[in-house]
Protein backbone atom coordinates (compact mmCIF):
# COMPACT_ATOMS: atom_id res chain seq x y z
CA UNK A 1 63.66 258.71 303.73
CA UNK A 2 60.92 257.68 301.69
CA UNK A 3 57.04 257.93 301.29
CA UNK A 4 54.83 254.93 301.34
CA UNK A 5 51.70 254.04 299.86
CA UNK A 6 49.28 251.70 302.01
CA UNK A 7 45.43 250.52 300.86
CA UNK A 8 43.22 249.05 302.78
CA UNK A 9 40.07 247.25 302.10
CA UNK A 10 36.96 245.42 303.58
CA UNK A 11 33.83 243.60 303.33
CA UNK A 12 33.35 245.60 307.02
CA UNK A 13 33.37 249.18 307.12
CA UNK A 14 33.58 249.23 311.15
CA UNK A 15 36.12 246.42 310.78
CA UNK A 16 38.56 248.64 307.98
CA UNK A 17 37.99 252.08 310.10
CA UNK A 18 39.31 249.92 313.30
CA UNK A 19 42.89 248.73 311.39
CA UNK A 20 42.36 252.61 310.31
CA UNK A 21 42.80 253.99 312.93
CA UNK A 22 45.40 252.11 314.57
CA UNK A 23 48.00 252.65 311.64
CA UNK A 24 47.53 256.01 312.08
CA UNK A 25 48.12 255.80 315.14
CA UNK A 26 50.86 253.75 315.42
CA UNK A 27 52.51 256.34 312.24
CA UNK A 28 51.97 259.72 315.02
CA UNK A 29 53.80 257.48 317.25
CA UNK A 30 56.77 257.14 315.09
CA UNK A 31 57.12 260.52 314.26
CA UNK A 32 56.41 260.47 310.80
CA UNK A 33 53.79 262.72 308.83
CA UNK A 34 50.35 261.59 307.04
CA UNK A 35 48.16 261.92 304.63
CA UNK A 36 45.23 260.27 305.42
CA UNK A 37 42.66 258.14 305.58
CA UNK A 38 40.95 259.43 302.27
CA UNK A 39 38.55 257.27 301.89
CA UNK A 40 37.93 255.49 298.19
CA UNK A 41 34.79 254.78 296.57
CA UNK A 42 33.31 251.74 297.71
CA UNK A 43 33.31 249.16 294.67
CA UNK A 44 29.64 247.55 294.75
CA UNK A 45 29.36 244.03 292.98
CA UNK A 46 26.02 243.09 292.14
CA UNK A 47 24.90 239.37 291.13
CA UNK A 48 21.03 238.46 290.41
CA UNK A 49 20.18 234.59 290.28
CA UNK A 50 16.94 232.64 289.68
CA UNK A 51 15.47 230.93 292.24
CA UNK A 52 14.39 227.60 290.36
CA UNK A 53 17.46 226.30 287.48
CA UNK A 54 13.54 225.16 285.36
CA UNK A 55 10.77 227.35 285.96
CA UNK A 56 9.82 231.01 287.43
CA UNK A 57 12.34 232.51 285.10
CA UNK A 58 10.30 236.03 286.77
CA UNK A 59 11.64 234.23 290.43
CA UNK A 60 15.20 235.87 290.65
CA UNK A 61 16.91 237.61 294.04
CA UNK A 62 19.73 239.52 294.20
CA UNK A 63 23.13 240.07 296.16
CA UNK A 64 25.53 242.19 296.46
CA UNK A 65 28.99 242.76 297.78
CA UNK A 66 30.27 245.56 298.58
CA UNK A 67 33.93 245.91 298.62
CA UNK A 68 35.02 249.17 300.86
CA UNK A 69 38.60 250.79 300.74
CA UNK A 70 41.06 253.51 302.18
CA UNK A 71 44.96 255.12 301.09
CA UNK A 72 46.88 255.92 303.48
CA UNK A 73 50.09 258.50 302.93
CA UNK A 74 53.32 258.33 304.67
CA UNK A 75 55.42 261.10 303.96
CA UNK A 76 58.09 260.77 305.57
CA UNK A 77 59.31 256.91 306.89
CA UNK A 78 61.94 256.49 308.57
CA UNK A 79 63.20 252.98 309.41
CA UNK A 80 61.01 252.78 312.79
CA UNK A 81 57.57 253.96 310.98
CA UNK A 82 58.22 250.82 309.12
CA UNK A 83 59.23 248.54 312.67
CA UNK A 84 55.32 250.04 314.25
CA UNK A 85 54.03 249.10 310.77
CA UNK A 86 55.13 245.66 311.09
CA UNK A 87 55.07 244.40 314.75
CA UNK A 88 50.60 245.80 314.01
CA UNK A 89 48.65 243.14 314.60
CA UNK A 90 45.16 244.08 311.83
CA UNK A 91 41.87 241.86 311.55
CA UNK A 92 42.45 239.30 309.42
CA UNK A 93 40.04 240.17 307.04
CA UNK A 94 41.43 243.39 305.65
CA UNK A 95 43.43 243.30 303.38
CA UNK A 96 46.77 245.63 303.11
CA UNK A 97 48.53 246.73 300.26
CA UNK A 98 51.93 248.49 300.58
CA UNK A 99 53.31 250.36 297.94
CA UNK A 100 56.90 252.03 298.23
CA UNK A 101 57.79 255.30 296.18
CA UNK A 102 60.33 257.22 295.56
CA UNK A 103 60.17 261.50 297.11
CA UNK A 104 60.55 263.74 294.51
CA UNK A 105 62.17 266.75 295.25
């Protein structure tokens, strides 16, 4: 029995939510308890670029990249839970970070 924390990140929130629902359904089918998905704050990176490198310093373009993230805690993970998570086919643009944590108590 251990606790597993999943952190998912993606640029598109719709793809991220589909991956989260696939993970939650697989975990519930295996019989483990689940906390989340918890939406984490969206990280926004903004870039300002000169349109022309030589003249017109006042003419600029602005771009931004939004990184959406969710966190899921699997409380009572079994070997069946880990197997069902490994068999999942998630979208390639979703970054999944898995961390195993020891239960206290």
